[in-house]
C-alpha atoms as a PDB file:
ATOM      1  CA  UNK A   1       7.252   6.100  -6.692  1.00  0.00           C
ATOM      2  CA  UNK A   2      10.245   7.615  -8.466  1.00  0.00           C
ATOM      3  CA  UNK A   3      10.849   6.055 -11.927  1.00  0.00           C
ATOM      4  CA  UNK A   4      14.105   6.882 -13.967  1.00  0.00           C
ATOM      5  CA  UNK A   5      15.144   5.499 -17.241  1.00  0.00           C
ATOM      6  CA  UNK A   6      18.873   4.650 -17.378  1.00  0.00           C
ATOM      7  CA  UNK A   7      21.078   3.545 -20.212  1.00  0.00           C
ATOM      8  CA  UNK A   8      23.698   1.130 -20.833  1.00  0.00           C
ATOM      9  CA  UNK A   9      26.526  -0.045 -18.481  1.00  0.00           C
ATOM     10  CA  UNK A  10      26.836   3.404 -16.665  1.00  0.00           C
ATOM     11  CA  UNK A  11      23.084   3.190 -16.186  1.00  0.00           C
ATOM     12  CA  UNK A  12      23.301  -0.332 -14.573  1.00  0.00           C
ATOM     13  CA  UNK A  13      26.058   0.843 -12.272  1.00  0.00           C
ATOM     14  CA  UNK A  14      23.763   3.859 -11.045  1.00  0.00           C
ATOM     15  CA  UNK A  15      20.588   1.892 -10.624  1.00  0.00           C
ATOM     16  CA  UNK A  16      19.027   1.820  -7.433  1.00  0.00           C
ATOM     17  CA  UNK A  17      15.829   0.578  -5.729  1.00  0.00           C
ATOM     18  CA  UNK A  18      13.812  -2.137  -7.875  1.00  0.00           C
ATOM     19  CA  UNK A  19      15.812  -2.389 -10.973  1.00  0.00           C
ATOM     20  CA  UNK A  20      14.735  -3.707 -14.474  1.00  0.00           C
ATOM     21  CA  UNK A  21      17.570  -4.711 -16.846  1.00  0.00           C
ATOM     22  CA  UNK A  22      16.002  -4.377 -20.101  1.00  0.00           C
ATOM     23  CA  UNK A  23      17.307  -6.349 -23.275  1.00  0.00           C
ATOM     24  CA  UNK A  24      14.526  -6.967 -25.868  1.00  0.00           C
ATOM     25  CA  UNK A  25      16.854  -8.244 -28.526  1.00  0.00           C
ATOM     26  CA  UNK A  26      17.394 -10.689 -27.562  1.00  0.00           C
ATOM     27  CA  UNK A  27      18.600 -11.812 -24.099  1.00  0.00           C
ATOM     28  CA  UNK A  28      15.718 -11.601 -21.849  1.00  0.00           C
ATOM     29  CA  UNK A  29      13.152 -12.447 -24.375  1.00  0.00           C
ATOM     30  CA  UNK A  30      15.203 -15.605 -24.919  1.00  0.00           C
ATOM     31  CA  UNK A  31      15.178 -16.212 -21.377  1.00  0.00           C
ATOM     32  CA  UNK A  32      11.353 -16.185 -20.954  1.00  0.00           C
ATOM     33  CA  UNK A  33      11.155 -18.546 -23.970  1.00  0.00           C
ATOM     34  CA  UNK A  34      13.576 -20.893 -22.438  1.00  0.00           C
ATOM     35  CA  UNK A  35      11.495 -20.924 -19.020  1.00  0.00           C
ATOM     36  CA  UNK A  36       8.265 -21.156 -21.295  1.00  0.00           C
ATOM     37  CA  UNK A  37       9.842 -24.285 -22.938  1.00  0.00           C
ATOM     38  CA  UNK A  38      10.697 -26.023 -19.518  1.00  0.00           C
ATOM     39  CA  UNK A  39      14.038 -24.718 -18.478  1.00  0.00           C
ATOM     40  CA  UNK A  40      14.389 -25.217 -14.773  1.00  0.00           C
ATOM     41  CA  UNK A  41      17.248 -22.695 -13.909  1.00  0.00           C
ATOM     42  CA  UNK A  42      19.202 -19.984 -15.825  1.00  0.00           C
ATOM     43  CA  UNK A  43      22.619 -18.712 -14.752  1.00  0.00           C
ATOM     44  CA  UNK A  44      23.042 -15.258 -16.382  1.00  0.00           C
ATOM     45  CA  UNK A  45      26.882 -14.655 -16.679  1.00  0.00           C
ATOM     46  CA  UNK A  46      28.811 -11.805 -18.052  1.00  0.00           C
ATOM     47  CA  UNK A  47      31.943 -13.693 -18.809  1.00  0.00           C
ATOM     48  CA  UNK A  48      32.229 -15.884 -21.653  1.00  0.00           C
ATOM     49  CA  UNK A  49      35.105 -17.914 -19.739  1.00  0.00           C
ATOM     50  CA  UNK A  50      32.904 -18.101 -16.859  1.00  0.00           C
ATOM     51  CA  UNK A  51      30.231 -19.797 -18.947  1.00  0.00           C
ATOM     52  CA  UNK A  52      32.756 -22.356 -20.466  1.00  0.00           C
ATOM     53  CA  UNK A  53      33.940 -23.073 -16.964  1.00  0.00           C
ATOM     54  CA  UNK A  54      30.270 -23.822 -15.828  1.00  0.00           C
ATOM     55  CA  UNK A  55      29.721 -26.080 -18.647  1.00  0.00           C
ATOM     56  CA  UNK A  56      33.111 -27.983 -18.005  1.00  0.00           C
ATOM     57  CA  UNK A  57      32.054 -28.485 -14.433  1.00  0.00           C
ATOM     58  CA  UNK A  58      28.505 -29.225 -15.284  1.00  0.00           C
ATOM     59  CA  UNK A  59      28.514 -31.183 -18.417  1.00  0.00           C
ATOM     60  CA  UNK A  60      24.626 -31.441 -18.348  1.00  0.00           C
ATOM     61  CA  UNK A  61      24.141 -27.715 -18.658  1.00  0.00           C
ATOM     62  CA  UNK A  62      23.221 -26.101 -21.612  1.00  0.00           C
ATOM     63  CA  UNK A  63      25.195 -22.932 -23.169  1.00  0.00           C
ATOM     64  CA  UNK A  64      23.026 -20.175 -24.777  1.00  0.00           C
ATOM     65  CA  UNK A  65      24.248 -17.002 -26.021  1.00  0.00           C
ATOM     66  CA  UNK A  66      26.193 -14.591 -28.314  1.00  0.00           C
ATOM     67  CA  UNK A  67      29.053 -12.462 -28.991  1.00  0.00           C
ATOM     68  CA  UNK A  68      28.681  -9.991 -31.988  1.00  0.00           C
ATOM     69  CA  UNK A  69      25.078 -11.495 -32.218  1.00  0.00           C
ATOM     70  CA  UNK A  70      26.390 -15.038 -33.195  1.00  0.00           C
ATOM     71  CA  UNK A  71      26.661 -18.281 -31.301  1.00  0.00           C
ATOM     72  CA  UNK A  72      30.086 -18.586 -29.569  1.00  0.00           C
ATOM     73  CA  UNK A  73      32.097 -21.806 -30.399  1.00  0.00           C
ATOM     74  CA  UNK A  74      30.741 -24.882 -28.442  1.00  0.00           C
ATOM     75  CA  UNK A  75      27.590 -23.336 -27.355  1.00  0.00           C
ATOM     76  CA  UNK A  76      24.356 -25.355 -27.760  1.00  0.00           C
ATOM     77  CA  UNK A  77      22.061 -22.373 -28.934  1.00  0.00           C
ATOM     78  CA  UNK A  78      22.539 -18.864 -29.941  1.00  0.00           C
ATOM     79  CA  UNK A  79      20.596 -15.910 -28.296  1.00  0.00           C
ATOM     80  CA  UNK A  80      17.765 -16.651 -30.310  1.00  0.00           C
ATOM     81  CA  UNK A  81      14.128 -17.439 -29.247  1.00  0.00           C
ATOM     82  CA  UNK A  82      13.329 -19.115 -32.543  1.00  0.00           C
ATOM     83  CA  UNK A  83      16.169 -21.670 -31.925  1.00  0.00           C
ATOM     84  CA  UNK A  84      14.509 -22.627 -28.549  1.00  0.00           C
ATOM     85  CA  UNK A  85      10.855 -23.052 -29.574  1.00  0.00           C
ATOM     86  CA  UNK A  86      11.206 -26.801 -30.361  1.00  0.00           C
ATOM     87  CA  UNK A  87      14.142 -27.603 -28.361  1.00  0.00           C
ATOM     88  CA  UNK A  88      13.657 -30.219 -25.573  1.00  0.00           C
ATOM     89  CA  UNK A  89      14.674 -28.079 -22.449  1.00  0.00           C
ATOM     90  CA  UNK A  90      12.426 -29.573 -19.676  1.00  0.00           C
ATOM     91  CA  UNK A  91      14.375 -29.771 -16.489  1.00  0.00           C
ATOM     92  CA  UNK A  92      17.492 -28.303 -17.944  1.00  0.00           C
ATOM     93  CA  UNK A  93      19.763 -25.764 -16.408  1.00  0.00           C
ATOM     94  CA  UNK A  94      21.057 -23.001 -18.845  1.00  0.00           C
ATOM     95  CA  UNK A  95      23.993 -21.012 -18.740  1.00  0.00           C
ATOM     96  CA  UNK A  96      23.159 -17.776 -20.743  1.00  0.00           C
ATOM     97  CA  UNK A  97      25.863 -15.065 -21.750  1.00  0.00           C
ATOM     98  CA  UNK A  98      25.248 -12.042 -23.897  1.00  0.00           C
ATOM     99  CA  UNK A  99      26.693  -8.808 -24.863  1.00  0.00           C
ATOM    100  CA  UNK A 100      24.277  -6.689 -23.197  1.00  0.00           C
ATOM    101  CA  UNK A 101      21.441  -7.976 -20.914  1.00  0.00           C
ATOM    102  CA  UNK A 102      23.621 -10.293 -18.721  1.00  0.00           C
ATOM    103  CA  UNK A 103      26.327  -7.484 -18.356  1.00  0.00           C
ATOM    104  CA  UNK A 104      23.588  -5.160 -17.043  1.00  0.00           C
ATOM    105  CA  UNK A 105      22.869  -7.997 -14.151  1.00  0.00           C
ATOM    106  CA  UNK A 106      26.503  -8.199 -13.429  1.00  0.00           C
ATOM    107  CA  UNK A 107      27.042  -4.589 -13.056  1.00  0.00           C
ATOM    108  CA  UNK A 108      23.829  -3.469 -11.196  1.00  0.00           C
ATOM    109  CA  UNK A 109      25.344  -3.905  -7.735  1.00  0.00           C
ATOM    110  CA  UNK A 110      23.627  -1.045  -6.111  1.00  0.00           C
ATOM    111  CA  UNK A 111      19.990  -2.356  -6.984  1.00  0.00           C
ATOM    112  CA  UNK A 112      17.706  -3.447  -4.084  1.00  0.00           C
ATOM    113  CA  UNK A 113      16.392  -6.078  -6.287  1.00  0.00           C
ATOM    114  CA  UNK A 114      16.966  -6.899  -9.976  1.00  0.00           C
ATOM    115  CA  UNK A 115      14.333  -8.224 -12.646  1.00  0.00           C
ATOM    116  CA  UNK A 116      14.645  -8.688 -16.392  1.00  0.00           C
ATOM    117  CA  UNK A 117      12.940  -6.611 -18.995  1.00  0.00           C
ATOM    118  CA  UNK A 118      11.372  -7.688 -22.326  1.00  0.00           C
ATOM    119  CA  UNK A 119       8.070  -7.020 -24.136  1.00  0.00           C
ATOM    120  CA  UNK A 120       6.913 -10.559 -23.760  1.00  0.00           C
ATOM    121  CA  UNK A 121       6.326 -10.300 -20.297  1.00  0.00           C
ATOM    122  CA  UNK A 122       5.719  -6.612 -20.047  1.00  0.00           C
ATOM    123  CA  UNK A 123       2.345  -6.645 -18.044  1.00  0.00           C
ATOM    124  CA  UNK A 124       3.840  -9.014 -15.651  1.00  0.00           C
ATOM    125  CA  UNK A 125       6.756  -6.716 -14.956  1.00  0.00           C
ATOM    126  CA  UNK A 126       4.297  -3.920 -14.486  1.00  0.00           C
ATOM    127  CA  UNK A 127       2.038  -5.777 -12.229  1.00  0.00           C
ATOM    128  CA  UNK A 128       5.120  -6.853 -10.160  1.00  0.00           C
ATOM    129  CA  UNK A 129       6.337  -3.472  -9.568  1.00  0.00           C
ATOM    130  CA  UNK A 130       2.769  -2.082  -8.603  1.00  0.00           C
ATOM    131  CA  UNK A 131       2.545  -5.024  -6.108  1.00  0.00           C
ATOM    132  CA  UNK A 132       6.119  -4.223  -4.630  1.00  0.00           C
ATOM    133  CA  UNK A 133       5.443  -0.582  -4.668  1.00  0.00           C
ATOM    134  CA  UNK A 134       8.985   0.544  -4.310  1.00  0.00           C
ATOM    135  CA  UNK A 135      10.137   4.060  -3.732  1.00  0.00           C
ATOM    136  CA  UNK A 136      12.461   3.990  -6.737  1.00  0.00           C
ATOM    137  CA  UNK A 137      12.306   2.008  -9.856  1.00  0.00           C
ATOM    138  CA  UNK A 138      15.322   1.997 -12.321  1.00  0.00           C
ATOM    139  CA  UNK A 139      14.582   0.902 -15.952  1.00  0.00           C
ATOM    140  CA  UNK A 140      17.913   0.230 -17.424  1.00  0.00           C
ATOM    141  CA  UNK A 141      18.149  -0.099 -21.205  1.00  0.00           C
ATOM    142  CA  UNK A 142      21.148  -2.006 -22.207  1.00  0.00           C
ATOM    143  CA  UNK A 143      21.244  -1.004 -25.949  1.00  0.00           C
ATOM    144  CA  UNK A 144      23.475  -2.590 -28.538  1.00  0.00           C
ATOM    145  CA  UNK A 145      26.315  -4.663 -26.976  1.00  0.00           C
ATOM    146  CA  UNK A 146      26.336  -1.923 -24.292  1.00  0.00           C
ATOM    147  CA  UNK A 147      27.716   0.436 -26.752  1.00  0.00           C
ATOM    148  CA  UNK A 148      24.741   2.873 -27.740  1.00  0.00           C
ATOM    149  CA  UNK A 149      21.025   3.030 -26.902  1.00  0.00           C
ATOM    150  CA  UNK A 150      18.548   1.103 -29.042  1.00  0.00           C
ATOM    151  CA  UNK A 151      14.946   1.987 -30.193  1.00  0.00           C
ATOM    152  CA  UNK A 152      13.472  -1.449 -28.618  1.00  0.00           C
ATOM    153  CA  UNK A 153      15.149  -1.146 -25.210  1.00  0.00           C
ATOM    154  CA  UNK A 154      14.349   2.549 -24.673  1.00  0.00           C
ATOM    155  CA  UNK A 155      10.707   2.059 -26.000  1.00  0.00           C
ATOM    156  CA  UNK A 156      10.159  -0.598 -23.608  1.00  0.00           C
ATOM    157  CA  UNK A 157      11.582   1.489 -20.662  1.00  0.00           C
ATOM    158  CA  UNK A 158       8.976   4.222 -21.934  1.00  0.00           C
ATOM    159  CA  UNK A 159       6.237   1.728 -22.140  1.00  0.00           C
ATOM    160  CA  UNK A 160       6.748   0.526 -18.513  1.00  0.00           C
ATOM    161  CA  UNK A 161       7.144   4.016 -17.246  1.00  0.00           C
ATOM    162  CA  UNK A 162       3.936   5.254 -19.034  1.00  0.00           C
ATOM    163  CA  UNK A 163       2.028   2.272 -17.711  1.00  0.00           C
ATOM    164  CA  UNK A 164       3.153   2.752 -14.302  1.00  0.00           C
ATOM    165  CA  UNK A 165       2.137   6.458 -14.404  1.00  0.00           C
ATOM    166  CA  UNK A 166      -1.425   5.895 -16.032  1.00  0.00           C
ATOM    167  CA  UNK A 167      -0.440   6.956 -19.542  1.00  0.00           C
ATOM    168  CA  UNK A 168      -1.497   5.234 -22.697  1.00  0.00           C
ATOM    169  CA  UNK A 169       0.783   3.429 -25.061  1.00  0.00           C
ATOM    170  CA  UNK A 170       0.299   2.763 -28.716  1.00  0.00           C
ATOM    171  CA  UNK A 171       2.025  -0.547 -29.080  1.00  0.00           C
ATOM    172  CA  UNK A 172       1.526  -1.120 -33.015  1.00  0.00           C
ATOM    173  CA  UNK A 173       3.132   2.339 -33.326  1.00  0.00           C
ATOM    174  CA  UNK A 174       6.112   0.964 -31.155  1.00  0.00           C
ATOM    175  CA  UNK A 175       6.509  -2.071 -33.421  1.00  0.00           C
ATOM    176  CA  UNK A 176       6.532  -0.118 -36.484  1.00  0.00           C
ATOM    177  CA  UNK A 177       9.150   2.290 -35.166  1.00  0.00           C
ATOM    178  CA  UNK A 178      11.440  -0.601 -34.014  1.00  0.00           C
ATOM    179  CA  UNK A 179      10.976  -2.304 -37.488  1.00  0.00           C
ATOM    180  CA  UNK A 180      12.113   0.774 -39.328  1.00  0.00           C
ATOM    181  CA  UNK A 181      14.955   1.534 -36.889  1.00  0.00           C
ATOM    182  CA  UNK A 182      17.267  -0.897 -34.968  1.00  0.00           C
ATOM    183  CA  UNK A 183      14.975  -3.773 -35.500  1.00  0.00           C
ATOM    184  CA  UNK A 184      15.666  -3.605 -39.351  1.00  0.00           C
ATOM    185  CA  UNK A 185      18.763  -5.906 -39.045  1.00  0.00           C
ATOM    186  CA  UNK A 186      16.575  -8.731 -38.434  1.00  0.00           C
ATOM    187  CA  UNK A 187      15.370  -8.628 -42.188  1.00  0.00           C
ATOM    188  CA  UNK A 188      18.625  -8.313 -43.665  1.00  0.00           C
ATOM    189  CA  UNK A 189      19.249 -11.473 -45.946  1.00  0.00           C
ATOM    190  CA  UNK A 190      22.866 -11.740 -44.721  1.00  0.00           C
ATOM    191  CA  UNK A 191      21.752 -12.037 -41.165  1.00  0.00           C
ATOM    192  CA  UNK A 192      19.129 -14.528 -41.212  1.00  0.00           C
ATOM    193  CA  UNK A 193      21.411 -17.418 -40.102  1.00  0.00           C
ATOM    194  CA  UNK A 194      22.011 -15.642 -36.696  1.00  0.00           C
ATOM    195  CA  UNK A 195      19.258 -12.859 -36.251  1.00  0.00           C
ATOM    196  CA  UNK A 196      16.417 -14.435 -38.248  1.00  0.00           C
ATOM    197  CA  UNK A 197      13.250 -12.453 -38.677  1.00  0.00           C
ATOM    198  CA  UNK A 198      11.372 -14.854 -36.619  1.00  0.00           C
ATOM    199  CA  UNK A 199      13.137 -13.498 -33.522  1.00  0.00           C
ATOM    200  CA  UNK A 200      11.715  -9.990 -34.392  1.00  0.00           C
ATOM    201  CA  UNK A 201       8.395 -11.289 -34.131  1.00  0.00           C
ATOM    202  CA  UNK A 202       8.877 -13.412 -30.977  1.00  0.00           C
ATOM    203  CA  UNK A 203      10.428 -10.659 -29.140  1.00  0.00           C
ATOM    204  CA  UNK A 204       7.755  -8.277 -29.781  1.00  0.00           C
ATOM    205  CA  UNK A 205       5.001 -10.743 -28.923  1.00  0.00           C
ATOM    206  CA  UNK A 206       3.510  -8.666 -26.256  1.00  0.00           C
ATOM    207  CA  UNK A 207       2.538 -10.097 -22.881  1.00  0.00           C
ATOM    208  CA  UNK A 208       2.920 -13.614 -23.971  1.00  0.00           C
ATOM    209  CA  UNK A 209       4.166 -14.903 -20.474  1.00  0.00           C
ATOM    210  CA  UNK A 210       2.628 -14.165 -17.175  1.00  0.00           C
ATOM    211  CA  UNK A 211       5.678 -14.237 -15.223  1.00  0.00           C
ATOM    212  CA  UNK A 212       8.693 -12.392 -14.276  1.00  0.00           C
ATOM    213  CA  UNK A 213      12.327 -13.109 -13.992  1.00  0.00           C
ATOM    214  CA  UNK A 214      14.063 -12.203 -10.812  1.00  0.00           C
ATOM    215  CA  UNK A 215      17.845 -12.414  -9.952  1.00  0.00           C
ATOM    216  CA  UNK A 216      18.639 -14.451  -6.959  1.00  0.00           C
ATOM    217  CA  UNK A 217      22.100 -15.553  -5.778  1.00  0.00           C
ATOM    218  CA  UNK A 218      23.135 -18.969  -4.361  1.00  0.00           C
ATOM    219  CA  UNK A 219      26.889 -20.058  -3.906  1.00  0.00           C
ATOM    220  CA  UNK A 220      28.132 -16.538  -5.335  1.00  0.00           C
ATOM    221  CA  UNK A 221      26.304 -17.198  -8.654  1.00  0.00           C
ATOM    222  CA  UNK A 222      23.218 -15.122  -9.900  1.00  0.00           C
ATOM    223  CA  UNK A 223      20.488 -17.312 -10.892  1.00  0.00           C
ATOM    224  CA  UNK A 224      17.035 -16.163 -12.660  1.00  0.00           C
ATOM    225  CA  UNK A 225      13.995 -17.400 -10.628  1.00  0.00           C
ATOM    226  CA  UNK A 226      10.790 -17.532 -12.544  1.00  0.00           C
ATOM    227  CA  UNK A 227       7.860 -15.943 -10.490  1.00  0.00           C
ATOM    228  CA  UNK A 228       4.428 -16.616 -11.782  1.00  0.00           C
ATOM    229  CA  UNK A 229       1.864 -13.738 -11.413  1.00  0.00           C
ATOM    230  CA  UNK A 230      -1.346 -15.502 -12.374  1.00  0.00           C
END
């Protein structure tokens, strides 16, 4: 098994084999919490106008996402797991658009299959890759708005690679490194309205969910399918 860690949109475009699009803060952590709270289907879209169009065509859909970390006008929720914890999402269809993770899905056109990456379902991801046993694995770290690499995404890529190669990980040390680095923004007083400190802890709740989210396609639209591994 050849395992490669790639970065940003260029990495997504180069990804081949079984591809994991990684966005820890916060897209694919948020998606896991949405499924955990009863969402039936998620459409990840890269384009904001496409999200609005899907909502217009399907008024019952809920809009979740961000631009510049903040909830766009007319959206039901921001890209925040803490906002979804107590929401009634049972049976809902969600349209999800973000500055990083959903962009990676839209651009990974050479991948054999795509799953999402976050710490909250890291072991499920690792187990799924082992089960599939592909010749090639691409771990694509989407970074901050696809502009520059971030600690949390790169460290998750390394975490998955280490586990697959039988190497140990020190998760508490990983958390501290993220807290002192790119995760520090979640503790800034001026950002609590849209990037609350609760999201930091929720996104780093290791192995909280025992399912993966796989990208499937129907009627020309990508959607995330929850696949339980328990």
